[in-house]
Amino acid sequence: MHHPLVRQRFTIAHELGHRALHPGRELILDVPVRVNLRDKTSSMASELEESKPNAFAATLLMPSQMIRDQLNQLPPPGAANPTPQPTALARIFKVSTPALNFRLINLGLTS
């Protein structure tokens, strides 16, 4: 299945977060293993083990100071600039608009 680039980038950063935050033990596979695929529950990241890697991914892909700097450089929304700021920032950081919106909320830059 093919996912958009923004989804792939966030998924890779999320999995790096799992590796950094939950290193576990070395694993050598010689038997089939179970792989947990995303479902409605996992995509909500309500479990701590999923929300921390999401926060890691957001921080990696959208560093707070860079978000603030870019936000200050964008023209204010209006007739001369019809693109909403979150959409413009999402393009700059190559993330989805929902991911960027969550980041802005978590940084206290929007409600």
C-alpha atoms as a PDB file:
ATOM      1  CA  MET A   1       0.000   0.000   0.000  1.00  0.00           C
ATOM      2  CA  HIS A   2       1.326   3.431  -0.939  1.00  0.00           C
ATOM      3  CA  HIS A   3       1.064   6.259   1.574  1.00  0.00           C
ATOM      4  CA  PRO A   4       1.696   9.958   0.916  1.00  0.00           C
ATOM      5  CA  LEU A   5       5.220  11.213   1.562  1.00  0.00           C
ATOM      6  CA  VAL A   6       4.094  13.237   4.591  1.00  0.00           C
ATOM      7  CA  ARG A   7       2.645  10.067   6.168  1.00  0.00           C
ATOM      8  CA  GLN A   8       5.800   8.081   5.390  1.00  0.00           C
ATOM      9  CA  ARG A   9       8.016  10.756   6.951  1.00  0.00           C
ATOM     10  CA  PHE A  10       5.926  10.884  10.133  1.00  0.00           C
ATOM     11  CA  THR A  11       5.779   7.080  10.367  1.00  0.00           C
ATOM     12  CA  ILE A  12       9.561   6.784  10.040  1.00  0.00           C
ATOM     13  CA  ALA A  13      10.094   9.475  12.698  1.00  0.00           C
ATOM     14  CA  HIS A  14       7.502   7.750  14.922  1.00  0.00           C
ATOM     15  CA  GLU A  15       9.299   4.402  14.602  1.00  0.00           C
ATOM     16  CA  LEU A  16      12.622   6.095  15.378  1.00  0.00           C
ATOM     17  CA  GLY A  17      10.885   7.421  18.484  1.00  0.00           C
ATOM     18  CA  HIS A  18       9.955   3.879  19.494  1.00  0.00           C
ATOM     19  CA  ARG A  19      13.580   2.847  19.026  1.00  0.00           C
ATOM     20  CA  ALA A  20      14.893   5.784  21.064  1.00  0.00           C
ATOM     21  CA  LEU A  21      12.260   5.630  23.816  1.00  0.00           C
ATOM     22  CA  HIS A  22      11.667   1.875  24.059  1.00  0.00           C
ATOM     23  CA  PRO A  23      14.933   0.210  23.048  1.00  0.00           C
ATOM     24  CA  GLY A  24      13.990  -3.213  24.433  1.00  0.00           C
ATOM     25  CA  ARG A  25      16.261  -6.166  23.856  1.00  0.00           C
ATOM     26  CA  GLU A  26      18.198  -7.277  20.832  1.00  0.00           C
ATOM     27  CA  LEU A  27      15.999  -9.431  18.662  1.00  0.00           C
ATOM     28  CA  ILE A  28      17.080 -12.243  16.359  1.00  0.00           C
ATOM     29  CA  LEU A  29      14.220 -13.644  14.306  1.00  0.00           C
ATOM     30  CA  ASP A  30      14.080 -17.179  13.010  1.00  0.00           C
ATOM     31  CA  VAL A  31      10.327 -17.624  13.319  1.00  0.00           C
ATOM     32  CA  PRO A  32       7.357 -15.623  12.038  1.00  0.00           C
ATOM     33  CA  VAL A  33       6.452 -12.627  14.187  1.00  0.00           C
ATOM     34  CA  ARG A  34       3.340 -10.544  14.724  1.00  0.00           C
ATOM     35  CA  VAL A  35       3.385  -7.002  13.354  1.00  0.00           C
ATOM     36  CA  ASN A  36       0.962  -4.458  14.807  1.00  0.00           C
ATOM     37  CA  LEU A  37      -0.560  -2.472  11.983  1.00  0.00           C
ATOM     38  CA  ARG A  38      -2.250   0.881  12.517  1.00  0.00           C
ATOM     39  CA  ASP A  39      -5.919   0.789  13.358  1.00  0.00           C
ATOM     40  CA  LYS A  40      -8.451   3.296  14.705  1.00  0.00           C
ATOM     41  CA  THR A  41      -7.101   2.933  18.254  1.00  0.00           C
ATOM     42  CA  SER A  42      -3.418   3.272  17.383  1.00  0.00           C
ATOM     43  CA  SER A  43      -4.017   6.255  15.109  1.00  0.00           C
ATOM     44  CA  MET A  44      -5.575   8.133  18.058  1.00  0.00           C
ATOM     45  CA  ALA A  45      -2.334   7.612  20.048  1.00  0.00           C
ATOM     46  CA  SER A  46      -4.253   7.437  23.300  1.00  0.00           C
ATOM     47  CA  GLU A  47      -1.812   4.917  24.748  1.00  0.00           C
ATOM     48  CA  LEU A  48       1.362   6.356  26.281  1.00  0.00           C
ATOM     49  CA  GLU A  49       3.528   3.930  24.322  1.00  0.00           C
ATOM     50  CA  GLU A  50       2.172   5.461  21.097  1.00  0.00           C
ATOM     51  CA  SER A  51       1.799   9.093  22.148  1.00  0.00           C
ATOM     52  CA  LYS A  52       5.442   9.482  23.199  1.00  0.00           C
ATOM     53  CA  PRO A  53       6.797   8.379  19.789  1.00  0.00           C
ATOM     54  CA  ASN A  54       4.278  10.751  18.172  1.00  0.00           C
ATOM     55  CA  ALA A  55       5.658  13.599  20.280  1.00  0.00           C
ATOM     56  CA  PHE A  56       9.202  12.518  19.344  1.00  0.00           C
ATOM     57  CA  ALA A  57       8.269  12.519  15.646  1.00  0.00           C
ATOM     58  CA  ALA A  58       6.615  15.935  15.906  1.00  0.00           C
ATOM     59  CA  THR A  59       9.666  17.399  17.635  1.00  0.00           C
ATOM     60  CA  LEU A  60      12.028  15.848  15.097  1.00  0.00           C
ATOM     61  CA  LEU A  61      10.068  16.954  12.031  1.00  0.00           C
ATOM     62  CA  MET A  62       8.787  20.285  13.388  1.00  0.00           C
ATOM     63  CA  PRO A  63      11.286  21.733  15.886  1.00  0.00           C
ATOM     64  CA  SER A  64       9.625  24.388  18.030  1.00  0.00           C
ATOM     65  CA  GLN A  65      12.057  27.207  17.257  1.00  0.00           C
ATOM     66  CA  MET A  66      11.880  26.525  13.528  1.00  0.00           C
ATOM     67  CA  ILE A  67       8.067  26.534  13.697  1.00  0.00           C
ATOM     68  CA  ARG A  68       8.143  29.888  15.513  1.00  0.00           C
ATOM     69  CA  ASP A  69      10.661  31.349  13.057  1.00  0.00           C
ATOM     70  CA  GLN A  70       8.669  30.242  10.011  1.00  0.00           C
ATOM     71  CA  LEU A  71       5.401  31.411  11.548  1.00  0.00           C
ATOM     72  CA  ASN A  72       6.890  34.875  12.048  1.00  0.00           C
ATOM     73  CA  GLN A  73       8.037  34.985   8.414  1.00  0.00           C
ATOM     74  CA  LEU A  74       4.672  34.056   6.897  1.00  0.00           C
ATOM     75  CA  PRO A  75       2.436  36.884   5.744  1.00  0.00           C
ATOM     76  CA  PRO A  76      -0.771  37.188   7.774  1.00  0.00           C
ATOM     77  CA  PRO A  77      -3.743  35.364   6.284  1.00  0.00           C
ATOM     78  CA  GLY A  78      -6.092  37.534   4.258  1.00  0.00           C
ATOM     79  CA  ALA A  79      -7.057  38.467   0.736  1.00  0.00           C
ATOM     80  CA  ALA A  80      -3.416  38.882  -0.326  1.00  0.00           C
ATOM     81  CA  ASN A  81      -2.522  35.517   1.231  1.00  0.00           C
ATOM     82  CA  PRO A  82      -5.386  33.034   0.780  1.00  0.00           C
ATOM     83  CA  THR A  83      -3.367  30.028   2.022  1.00  0.00           C
ATOM     84  CA  PRO A  84      -4.005  29.393   5.733  1.00  0.00           C
ATOM     85  CA  GLN A  85      -0.836  29.530   7.832  1.00  0.00           C
ATOM     86  CA  PRO A  86      -1.036  25.887   9.033  1.00  0.00           C
ATOM     87  CA  THR A  87      -1.285  24.701   5.430  1.00  0.00           C
ATOM     88  CA  ALA A  88       1.696  26.842   4.411  1.00  0.00           C
ATOM     89  CA  LEU A  89       3.733  25.599   7.389  1.00  0.00           C
ATOM     90  CA  ALA A  90       2.780  21.989   6.653  1.00  0.00           C
ATOM     91  CA  ARG A  91       4.195  22.397   3.140  1.00  0.00           C
ATOM     92  CA  ILE A  92       7.409  23.937   4.485  1.00  0.00           C
ATOM     93  CA  PHE A  93       7.963  21.117   6.996  1.00  0.00           C
ATOM     94  CA  LYS A  94       6.678  18.382   4.644  1.00  0.00           C
ATOM     95  CA  VAL A  95       4.115  17.110   7.153  1.00  0.00           C
ATOM     96  CA  SER A  96       0.349  16.785   7.015  1.00  0.00           C
ATOM     97  CA  THR A  97      -1.791  19.757   7.951  1.00  0.00           C
ATOM     98  CA  PRO A  98      -3.404  17.793  10.838  1.00  0.00           C
ATOM     99  CA  ALA A  99       0.062  16.943  12.223  1.00  0.00           C
ATOM    100  CA  LEU A 100       1.090  20.592  11.950  1.00  0.00           C
ATOM    101  CA  ASN A 101      -2.127  21.710  13.661  1.00  0.00           C
ATOM    102  CA  PHE A 102      -1.492  19.320  16.560  1.00  0.00           C
ATOM    103  CA  ARG A 103       2.044  20.677  16.851  1.00  0.00           C
ATOM    104  CA  LEU A 104       0.818  24.285  16.926  1.00  0.00           C
ATOM    105  CA  ILE A 105      -1.698  23.393  19.638  1.00  0.00           C
ATOM    106  CA  ASN A 106       0.920  21.540  21.692  1.00  0.00           C
ATOM    107  CA  LEU A 107       3.273  24.521  21.403  1.00  0.00           C
ATOM    108  CA  GLY A 108       0.495  26.849  22.544  1.00  0.00           C
ATOM    109  CA  LEU A 109       0.608  28.782  19.287  1.00  0.00           C
ATOM    110  CA  THR A 110      -3.062  28.194  18.453  1.00  0.00           C
ATOM    111  CA  SER A 111      -6.142  26.766  20.112  1.00  0.00           C
END
